[in-house]
Amino acid sequence: MKIVINSGFGGFGLSDAAKKDLNVEDVYGLSRTDSALIALLEEKGTDYCSDSSAWLSIVEIPDAEKFWHISQCGGHEHIVASESKMNRYS
């Protein structure tokens, strides 16, 4: 499974061009596993897709990982996998 995260400090955000390409205004309702978002990031790259405070990247986890969530510190995100539903945000 591919998941889009912010690898920089400052928080997740899309450039105006990426929002236009994806036809979205608010990124907070956008799934980080959205196939169109992932395809755009793979095709156009980080510089094109990231806003000024983000550095978007794709992390791939095994499809068998059913329980995961995005954790962050200062806007820098990483994936945390869990064996139980207790921490499930996916």
PDB file of N, CA and C in Angstrom:
ATOM      1  N   MET A   1       0.843  -1.168   0.000  1.00  0.00           N
ATOM      2  CA  MET A   1       0.000   0.000   0.000  1.00  0.00           C
ATOM      3  C   MET A   1       0.891   1.234   0.000  1.00  0.00           C
ATOM      4  N   LYS A   2       0.535   2.197  -0.821  1.00  0.00           N
ATOM      5  CA  LYS A   2       1.280   3.453  -0.884  1.00  0.00           C
ATOM      6  C   LYS A   2       0.534   4.526  -0.099  1.00  0.00           C
ATOM      7  N   ILE A   3       1.295   5.319   0.652  1.00  0.00           N
ATOM      8  CA  ILE A   3       0.735   6.375   1.490  1.00  0.00           C
ATOM      9  C   ILE A   3       1.568   7.636   1.281  1.00  0.00           C
ATOM     10  N   VAL A   4       0.913   8.774   1.096  1.00  0.00           N
ATOM     11  CA  VAL A   4       1.617  10.045   0.945  1.00  0.00           C
ATOM     12  C   VAL A   4       1.796  10.678   2.321  1.00  0.00           C
ATOM     13  N   ILE A   5       3.047  11.050   2.625  1.00  0.00           N
ATOM     14  CA  ILE A   5       3.349  11.717   3.891  1.00  0.00           C
ATOM     15  C   ILE A   5       4.173  12.973   3.613  1.00  0.00           C
ATOM     16  N   ASN A   6       4.274  13.817   4.619  1.00  0.00           N
ATOM     17  CA  ASN A   6       5.145  14.979   4.558  1.00  0.00           C
ATOM     18  C   ASN A   6       6.474  14.602   5.200  1.00  0.00           C
ATOM     19  N   SER A   7       7.540  14.650   4.410  1.00  0.00           N
ATOM     20  CA  SER A   7       8.872  14.306   4.915  1.00  0.00           C
ATOM     21  C   SER A   7       9.642  15.524   5.405  1.00  0.00           C
ATOM     22  N   GLY A   8       9.040  16.692   5.285  1.00  0.00           N
ATOM     23  CA  GLY A   8       9.684  17.916   5.755  1.00  0.00           C
ATOM     24  C   GLY A   8       9.022  18.418   7.024  1.00  0.00           C
ATOM     25  N   PHE A   9       9.532  19.486   7.560  1.00  0.00           N
ATOM     26  CA  PHE A   9       8.937  20.093   8.741  1.00  0.00           C
ATOM     27  C   PHE A   9       8.020  21.219   8.305  1.00  0.00           C
ATOM     28  N   GLY A  10       6.862  21.352   8.925  1.00  0.00           N
ATOM     29  CA  GLY A  10       5.941  22.424   8.597  1.00  0.00           C
ATOM     30  C   GLY A  10       4.536  21.962   8.308  1.00  0.00           C
ATOM     31  N   GLY A  11       4.324  20.721   7.970  1.00  0.00           N
ATOM     32  CA  GLY A  11       2.975  20.219   7.779  1.00  0.00           C
ATOM     33  C   GLY A  11       2.654  19.827   6.354  1.00  0.00           C
ATOM     34  N   PHE A  12       1.693  18.933   6.236  1.00  0.00           N
ATOM     35  CA  PHE A  12       1.234  18.429   4.944  1.00  0.00           C
ATOM     36  C   PHE A  12       0.505  19.530   4.185  1.00  0.00           C
ATOM     37  N   GLY A  13       0.824  19.682   2.914  1.00  0.00           N
ATOM     38  CA  GLY A  13       0.134  20.665   2.088  1.00  0.00           C
ATOM     39  C   GLY A  13       0.428  20.447   0.619  1.00  0.00           C
ATOM     40  N   LEU A  14      -0.571  20.747  -0.203  1.00  0.00           N
ATOM     41  CA  LEU A  14      -0.435  20.616  -1.657  1.00  0.00           C
ATOM     42  C   LEU A  14      -0.275  21.981  -2.299  1.00  0.00           C
ATOM     43  N   SER A  15       0.482  22.032  -3.374  1.00  0.00           N
ATOM     44  CA  SER A  15       0.618  23.263  -4.147  1.00  0.00           C
ATOM     45  C   SER A  15      -0.720  23.594  -4.808  1.00  0.00           C
ATOM     46  N   ASP A  16      -0.886  24.840  -5.203  1.00  0.00           N
ATOM     47  CA  ASP A  16      -2.102  25.241  -5.912  1.00  0.00           C
ATOM     48  C   ASP A  16      -2.266  24.449  -7.195  1.00  0.00           C
ATOM     49  N   ALA A  17      -1.167  24.188  -7.888  1.00  0.00           N
ATOM     50  CA  ALA A  17      -1.232  23.422  -9.140  1.00  0.00           C
ATOM     51  C   ALA A  17      -1.715  21.996  -8.886  1.00  0.00           C
ATOM     52  N   ALA A  18      -1.220  21.366  -7.831  1.00  0.00           N
ATOM     53  CA  ALA A  18      -1.642  20.000  -7.496  1.00  0.00           C
ATOM     54  C   ALA A  18      -3.113  19.973  -7.085  1.00  0.00           C
ATOM     55  N   LYS A  19      -3.545  20.961  -6.310  1.00  0.00           N
ATOM     56  CA  LYS A  19      -4.966  21.042  -5.926  1.00  0.00           C
ATOM     57  C   LYS A  19      -5.843  21.165  -7.163  1.00  0.00           C
ATOM     58  N   LYS A  20      -5.399  21.975  -8.108  1.00  0.00           N
ATOM     59  CA  LYS A  20      -6.166  22.151  -9.344  1.00  0.00           C
ATOM     60  C   LYS A  20      -6.220  20.843 -10.134  1.00  0.00           C
ATOM     61  N   ASP A  21      -5.078  20.163 -10.251  1.00  0.00           N
ATOM     62  CA  ASP A  21      -5.034  18.888 -10.969  1.00  0.00           C
ATOM     63  C   ASP A  21      -5.940  17.835 -10.331  1.00  0.00           C
ATOM     64  N   LEU A  22      -6.013  17.857  -9.005  1.00  0.00           N
ATOM     65  CA  LEU A  22      -6.823  16.879  -8.273  1.00  0.00           C
ATOM     66  C   LEU A  22      -8.259  17.343  -8.063  1.00  0.00           C
ATOM     67  N   ASN A  23      -8.524  18.602  -8.435  1.00  0.00           N
ATOM     68  CA  ASN A  23      -9.853  19.195  -8.279  1.00  0.00           C
ATOM     69  C   ASN A  23     -10.302  19.188  -6.812  1.00  0.00           C
ATOM     70  N   VAL A  24      -9.389  19.639  -5.928  1.00  0.00           N
ATOM     71  CA  VAL A  24      -9.692  19.743  -4.498  1.00  0.00           C
ATOM     72  C   VAL A  24      -9.317  21.138  -4.004  1.00  0.00           C
ATOM     73  N   GLU A  25     -10.050  21.615  -3.018  1.00  0.00           N
ATOM     74  CA  GLU A  25      -9.726  22.890  -2.383  1.00  0.00           C
ATOM     75  C   GLU A  25      -9.158  22.680  -0.991  1.00  0.00           C
ATOM     76  N   ASP A  26      -9.665  21.646  -0.295  1.00  0.00           N
ATOM     77  CA  ASP A  26      -9.265  21.372   1.080  1.00  0.00           C
ATOM     78  C   ASP A  26      -8.537  20.038   1.142  1.00  0.00           C
ATOM     79  N   VAL A  27      -7.264  20.052   1.491  1.00  0.00           N
ATOM     80  CA  VAL A  27      -6.478  18.815   1.511  1.00  0.00           C
ATOM     81  C   VAL A  27      -6.804  17.923   2.698  1.00  0.00           C
ATOM     82  N   TYR A  28      -7.481  18.464   3.703  1.00  0.00           N
ATOM     83  CA  TYR A  28      -7.727  17.687   4.912  1.00  0.00           C
ATOM     84  C   TYR A  28      -8.770  16.594   4.714  1.00  0.00           C
ATOM     85  N   GLY A  29      -9.567  16.682   3.681  1.00  0.00           N
ATOM     86  CA  GLY A  29     -10.522  15.622   3.370  1.00  0.00           C
ATOM     87  C   GLY A  29      -9.967  14.610   2.391  1.00  0.00           C
ATOM     88  N   LEU A  30      -8.751  14.838   1.923  1.00  0.00           N
ATOM     89  CA  LEU A  30      -8.127  13.980   0.921  1.00  0.00           C
ATOM     90  C   LEU A  30      -7.420  12.810   1.594  1.00  0.00           C
ATOM     91  N   SER A  31      -7.742  11.602   1.156  1.00  0.00           N
ATOM     92  CA  SER A  31      -7.092  10.423   1.716  1.00  0.00           C
ATOM     93  C   SER A  31      -5.634  10.371   1.296  1.00  0.00           C
ATOM     94  N   ARG A  32      -4.771  10.019   2.214  1.00  0.00           N
ATOM     95  CA  ARG A  32      -3.350   9.914   1.904  1.00  0.00           C
ATOM     96  C   ARG A  32      -3.059   8.700   1.029  1.00  0.00           C
ATOM     97  N   THR A  33      -4.046   7.817   0.857  1.00  0.00           N
ATOM     98  CA  THR A  33      -3.895   6.652  -0.017  1.00  0.00           C
ATOM     99  C   THR A  33      -4.649   6.847  -1.330  1.00  0.00           C
ATOM    100  N   ASP A  34      -5.103   8.068  -1.582  1.00  0.00           N
ATOM    101  CA  ASP A  34      -5.857   8.375  -2.798  1.00  0.00           C
ATOM    102  C   ASP A  34      -5.014   8.063  -4.039  1.00  0.00           C
ATOM    103  N   SER A  35      -5.557   7.257  -4.938  1.00  0.00           N
ATOM    104  CA  SER A  35      -4.787   6.822  -6.106  1.00  0.00           C
ATOM    105  C   SER A  35      -4.418   7.980  -7.026  1.00  0.00           C
ATOM    106  N   ALA A  36      -5.293   8.973  -7.158  1.00  0.00           N
ATOM    107  CA  ALA A  36      -4.993  10.127  -8.015  1.00  0.00           C
ATOM    108  C   ALA A  36      -3.863  10.968  -7.415  1.00  0.00           C
ATOM    109  N   LEU A  37      -3.864  11.139  -6.092  1.00  0.00           N
ATOM    110  CA  LEU A  37      -2.794  11.873  -5.405  1.00  0.00           C
ATOM    111  C   LEU A  37      -1.456  11.168  -5.588  1.00  0.00           C
ATOM    112  N   ILE A  38      -1.457   9.864  -5.394  1.00  0.00           N
ATOM    113  CA  ILE A  38      -0.226   9.080  -5.533  1.00  0.00           C
ATOM    114  C   ILE A  38       0.288   9.136  -6.978  1.00  0.00           C
ATOM    115  N   ALA A  39      -0.610   8.982  -7.939  1.00  0.00           N
ATOM    116  CA  ALA A  39      -0.213   9.032  -9.352  1.00  0.00           C
ATOM    117  C   ALA A  39       0.372  10.400  -9.715  1.00  0.00           C
ATOM    118  N   LEU A  40      -0.247  11.469  -9.221  1.00  0.00           N
ATOM    119  CA  LEU A  40       0.241  12.814  -9.508  1.00  0.00           C
ATOM    120  C   LEU A  40       1.635  13.024  -8.913  1.00  0.00           C
ATOM    121  N   LEU A  41       1.834  12.580  -7.680  1.00  0.00           N
ATOM    122  CA  LEU A  41       3.138  12.719  -7.032  1.00  0.00           C
ATOM    123  C   LEU A  41       4.203  11.890  -7.760  1.00  0.00           C
ATOM    124  N   GLU A  42       3.846  10.697  -8.192  1.00  0.00           N
ATOM    125  CA  GLU A  42       4.792   9.859  -8.936  1.00  0.00           C
ATOM    126  C   GLU A  42       5.125  10.473 -10.297  1.00  0.00           C
ATOM    127  N   GLU A  43       4.130  11.068 -10.945  1.00  0.00           N
ATOM    128  CA  GLU A  43       4.329  11.631 -12.283  1.00  0.00           C
ATOM    129  C   GLU A  43       5.026  12.992 -12.264  1.00  0.00           C
ATOM    130  N   LYS A  44       4.546  13.900 -11.410  1.00  0.00           N
ATOM    131  CA  LYS A  44       5.039  15.286 -11.427  1.00  0.00           C
ATOM    132  C   LYS A  44       6.143  15.569 -10.410  1.00  0.00           C
ATOM    133  N   GLY A  45       6.216  14.783  -9.354  1.00  0.00           N
ATOM    134  CA  GLY A  45       7.283  14.943  -8.376  1.00  0.00           C
ATOM    135  C   GLY A  45       6.936  15.824  -7.192  1.00  0.00           C
ATOM    136  N   THR A  46       7.840  15.805  -6.233  1.00  0.00           N
ATOM    137  CA  THR A  46       7.668  16.512  -4.968  1.00  0.00           C
ATOM    138  C   THR A  46       7.606  18.021  -5.148  1.00  0.00           C
ATOM    139  N   ASP A  47       8.505  18.571  -5.940  1.00  0.00           N
ATOM    140  CA  ASP A  47       8.536  20.029  -6.130  1.00  0.00           C
ATOM    141  C   ASP A  47       7.219  20.548  -6.679  1.00  0.00           C
ATOM    142  N   TYR A  48       6.624  19.823  -7.595  1.00  0.00           N
ATOM    143  CA  TYR A  48       5.370  20.242  -8.217  1.00  0.00           C
ATOM    144  C   TYR A  48       4.194  20.127  -7.237  1.00  0.00           C
ATOM    145  N   CYS A  49       4.159  19.046  -6.461  1.00  0.00           N
ATOM    146  CA  CYS A  49       2.987  18.737  -5.632  1.00  0.00           C
ATOM    147  C   CYS A  49       2.984  19.391  -4.251  1.00  0.00           C
ATOM    148  N   SER A  50       4.140  19.675  -3.693  1.00  0.00           N
ATOM    149  CA  SER A  50       4.234  20.180  -2.319  1.00  0.00           C
ATOM    150  C   SER A  50       3.997  21.679  -2.262  1.00  0.00           C
ATOM    151  N   ASP A  51       3.327  22.128  -1.178  1.00  0.00           N
ATOM    152  CA  ASP A  51       3.242  23.572  -0.964  1.00  0.00           C
ATOM    153  C   ASP A  51       4.549  24.045  -0.326  1.00  0.00           C
ATOM    154  N   SER A  52       4.623  25.309   0.022  1.00  0.00           N
ATOM    155  CA  SER A  52       5.884  25.891   0.483  1.00  0.00           C
ATOM    156  C   SER A  52       6.372  25.344   1.821  1.00  0.00           C
ATOM    157  N   SER A  53       5.493  24.729   2.614  1.00  0.00           N
ATOM    158  CA  SER A  53       5.919  24.218   3.920  1.00  0.00           C
ATOM    159  C   SER A  53       5.954  22.694   3.973  1.00  0.00           C
ATOM    160  N   ALA A  54       5.871  22.037   2.828  1.00  0.00           N
ATOM    161  CA  ALA A  54       5.824  20.574   2.804  1.00  0.00           C
ATOM    162  C   ALA A  54       6.892  20.008   1.876  1.00  0.00           C
ATOM    163  N   TRP A  55       7.183  18.735   2.084  1.00  0.00           N
ATOM    164  CA  TRP A  55       8.042  17.972   1.189  1.00  0.00           C
ATOM    165  C   TRP A  55       7.423  16.584   1.115  1.00  0.00           C
ATOM    166  N   LEU A  56       6.495  16.422   0.156  1.00  0.00           N
ATOM    167  CA  LEU A  56       5.706  15.197   0.075  1.00  0.00           C
ATOM    168  C   LEU A  56       6.500  14.043  -0.506  1.00  0.00           C
ATOM    169  N   SER A  57       6.252  12.867   0.046  1.00  0.00           N
ATOM    170  CA  SER A  57       6.880  11.652  -0.447  1.00  0.00           C
ATOM    171  C   SER A  57       5.909  10.494  -0.278  1.00  0.00           C
ATOM    172  N   ILE A  58       6.238   9.402  -0.927  1.00  0.00           N
ATOM    173  CA  ILE A  58       5.401   8.204  -0.864  1.00  0.00           C
ATOM    174  C   ILE A  58       6.134   7.143  -0.068  1.00  0.00           C
ATOM    175  N   VAL A  59       5.429   6.580   0.914  1.00  0.00           N
ATOM    176  CA  VAL A  59       5.943   5.475   1.711  1.00  0.00           C
ATOM    177  C   VAL A  59       5.123   4.257   1.333  1.00  0.00           C
ATOM    178  N   GLU A  60       5.793   3.139   1.172  1.00  0.00           N
ATOM    179  CA  GLU A  60       5.082   1.917   0.835  1.00  0.00           C
ATOM    180  C   GLU A  60       5.186   0.938   1.999  1.00  0.00           C
ATOM    181  N   ILE A  61       4.021   0.428   2.409  1.00  0.00           N
ATOM    182  CA  ILE A  61       3.984  -0.581   3.470  1.00  0.00           C
ATOM    183  C   ILE A  61       3.328  -1.831   2.893  1.00  0.00           C
ATOM    184  N   PRO A  62       3.602  -2.987   3.461  1.00  0.00           N
ATOM    185  CA  PRO A  62       2.993  -4.221   2.962  1.00  0.00           C
ATOM    186  C   PRO A  62       1.464  -4.149   3.041  1.00  0.00           C
ATOM    187  N   ASP A  63       0.803  -4.699   2.033  1.00  0.00           N
ATOM    188  CA  ASP A  63      -0.666  -4.714   2.034  1.00  0.00           C
ATOM    189  C   ASP A  63      -1.225  -5.455   3.244  1.00  0.00           C
ATOM    190  N   ALA A  64      -0.443  -6.340   3.816  1.00  0.00           N
ATOM    191  CA  ALA A  64      -0.891  -7.094   4.988  1.00  0.00           C
ATOM    192  C   ALA A  64      -1.020  -6.210   6.231  1.00  0.00           C
ATOM    193  N   GLU A  65      -0.374  -5.047   6.228  1.00  0.00           N
ATOM    194  CA  GLU A  65      -0.467  -4.123   7.365  1.00  0.00           C
ATOM    195  C   GLU A  65      -1.832  -3.443   7.341  1.00  0.00           C
ATOM    196  N   LYS A  66      -2.773  -3.941   8.112  1.00  0.00           N
ATOM    197  CA  LYS A  66      -4.122  -3.396   8.111  1.00  0.00           C
ATOM    198  C   LYS A  66      -4.279  -2.232   9.087  1.00  0.00           C
ATOM    199  N   PHE A  67      -3.448  -2.188  10.097  1.00  0.00           N
ATOM    200  CA  PHE A  67      -3.584  -1.184  11.135  1.00  0.00           C
ATOM    201  C   PHE A  67      -2.361  -0.264  11.127  1.00  0.00           C
ATOM    202  N   TRP A  68      -2.586   0.977  10.795  1.00  0.00           N
ATOM    203  CA  TRP A  68      -1.501   1.948  10.718  1.00  0.00           C
ATOM    204  C   TRP A  68      -2.060   3.339  10.943  1.00  0.00           C
ATOM    205  N   HIS A  69      -1.191   4.263  11.262  1.00  0.00           N
ATOM    206  CA  HIS A  69      -1.581   5.666  11.324  1.00  0.00           C
ATOM    207  C   HIS A  69      -0.363   6.535  11.027  1.00  0.00           C
ATOM    208  N   ILE A  70      -0.624   7.781  10.733  1.00  0.00           N
ATOM    209  CA  ILE A  70       0.441   8.737  10.469  1.00  0.00           C
ATOM    210  C   ILE A  70       0.717   9.489  11.767  1.00  0.00           C
ATOM    211  N   SER A  71       1.965   9.468  12.182  1.00  0.00           N
ATOM    212  CA  SER A  71       2.390  10.207  13.366  1.00  0.00           C
ATOM    213  C   SER A  71       3.300  11.336  12.894  1.00  0.00           C
ATOM    214  N   GLN A  72       3.375  12.409  13.671  1.00  0.00           N
ATOM    215  CA  GLN A  72       4.207  13.527  13.237  1.00  0.00           C
ATOM    216  C   GLN A  72       4.827  14.244  14.427  1.00  0.00           C
ATOM    217  N   CYS A  73       5.922  14.919  14.125  1.00  0.00           N
ATOM    218  CA  CYS A  73       6.588  15.779  15.093  1.00  0.00           C
ATOM    219  C   CYS A  73       7.048  17.009  14.327  1.00  0.00           C
ATOM    220  N   GLY A  74       6.503  18.157  14.636  1.00  0.00           N
ATOM    221  CA  GLY A  74       6.860  19.377  13.935  1.00  0.00           C
ATOM    222  C   GLY A  74       6.435  19.383  12.479  1.00  0.00           C
ATOM    223  N   GLY A  75       5.465  18.546  12.144  1.00  0.00           N
ATOM    224  CA  GLY A  75       5.003  18.451  10.771  1.00  0.00           C
ATOM    225  C   GLY A  75       5.666  17.342   9.982  1.00  0.00           C
ATOM    226  N   HIS A  76       6.802  16.848  10.459  1.00  0.00           N
ATOM    227  CA  HIS A  76       7.508  15.736   9.814  1.00  0.00           C
ATOM    228  C   HIS A  76       6.774  14.448  10.174  1.00  0.00           C
ATOM    229  N   GLU A  77       6.282  13.737   9.156  1.00  0.00           N
ATOM    230  CA  GLU A  77       5.419  12.580   9.391  1.00  0.00           C
ATOM    231  C   GLU A  77       6.138  11.258   9.139  1.00  0.00           C
ATOM    232  N   HIS A  78       5.631  10.215   9.792  1.00  0.00           N
ATOM    233  CA  HIS A  78       6.079   8.852   9.539  1.00  0.00           C
ATOM    234  C   HIS A  78       4.916   7.908   9.816  1.00  0.00           C
ATOM    235  N   ILE A  79       5.021   6.699   9.302  1.00  0.00           N
ATOM    236  CA  ILE A  79       3.967   5.695   9.458  1.00  0.00           C
ATOM    237  C   ILE A  79       4.275   4.822  10.670  1.00  0.00           C
ATOM    238  N   VAL A  80       3.239   4.596  11.475  1.00  0.00           N
ATOM    239  CA  VAL A  80       3.345   3.687  12.611  1.00  0.00           C
ATOM    240  C   VAL A  80       2.382   2.537  12.357  1.00  0.00           C
ATOM    241  N   ALA A  81       2.906   1.333  12.288  1.00  0.00           N
ATOM    242  CA  ALA A  81       2.078   0.139  12.092  1.00  0.00           C
ATOM    243  C   ALA A  81       1.794  -0.495  13.444  1.00  0.00           C
ATOM    244  N   SER A  82       0.605  -1.081  13.557  1.00  0.00           N
ATOM    245  CA  SER A  82       0.190  -1.692  14.809  1.00  0.00           C
ATOM    246  C   SER A  82      -0.433  -3.051  14.519  1.00  0.00           C
ATOM    247  N   GLU A  83      -0.346  -3.936  15.481  1.00  0.00           N
ATOM    248  CA  GLU A  83      -0.955  -5.255  15.322  1.00  0.00           C
ATOM    249  C   GLU A  83      -2.403  -5.290  15.785  1.00  0.00           C
ATOM    250  N   SER A  84      -2.894  -4.188  16.354  1.00  0.00           N
ATOM    251  CA  SER A  84      -4.266  -4.178  16.856  1.00  0.00           C
ATOM    252  C   SER A  84      -5.025  -2.961  16.335  1.00  0.00           C
ATOM    253  N   LYS A  85      -6.334  -3.004  16.484  1.00  0.00           N
ATOM    254  CA  LYS A  85      -7.185  -1.891  16.064  1.00  0.00           C
ATOM    255  C   LYS A  85      -7.076  -0.700  17.000  1.00  0.00           C
ATOM    256  N   MET A  86      -6.479  -0.875  18.154  1.00  0.00           N
ATOM    257  CA  MET A  86      -6.438   0.160  19.152  1.00  0.00           C
ATOM    258  C   MET A  86      -5.857   1.468  18.585  1.00  0.00           C
ATOM    259  N   ASN A  87      -4.843   1.376  17.763  1.00  0.00           N
ATOM    260  CA  ASN A  87      -4.212   2.566  17.199  1.00  0.00           C
ATOM    261  C   ASN A  87      -4.567   2.774  15.726  1.00  0.00           C
ATOM    262  N   ARG A  88      -5.631   2.187  15.276  1.00  0.00           N
ATOM    263  CA  ARG A  88      -5.948   2.201  13.854  1.00  0.00           C
ATOM    264  C   ARG A  88      -6.572   3.524  13.434  1.00  0.00           C
ATOM    265  N   TYR A  89      -5.995   4.167  12.421  1.00  0.00           N
ATOM    266  CA  TYR A  89      -6.538   5.375  11.819  1.00  0.00           C
ATOM    267  C   TYR A  89      -6.734   5.210  10.336  1.00  0.00           C
ATOM    268  N   SER A  90      -6.409   4.063   9.780  1.00  0.00           N
ATOM    269  CA  SER A  90      -6.512   3.860   8.339  1.00  0.00           C
ATOM    270  C   SER A  90      -7.917   3.492   7.926  1.00  0.00           C
TER     271      SER A  90
END
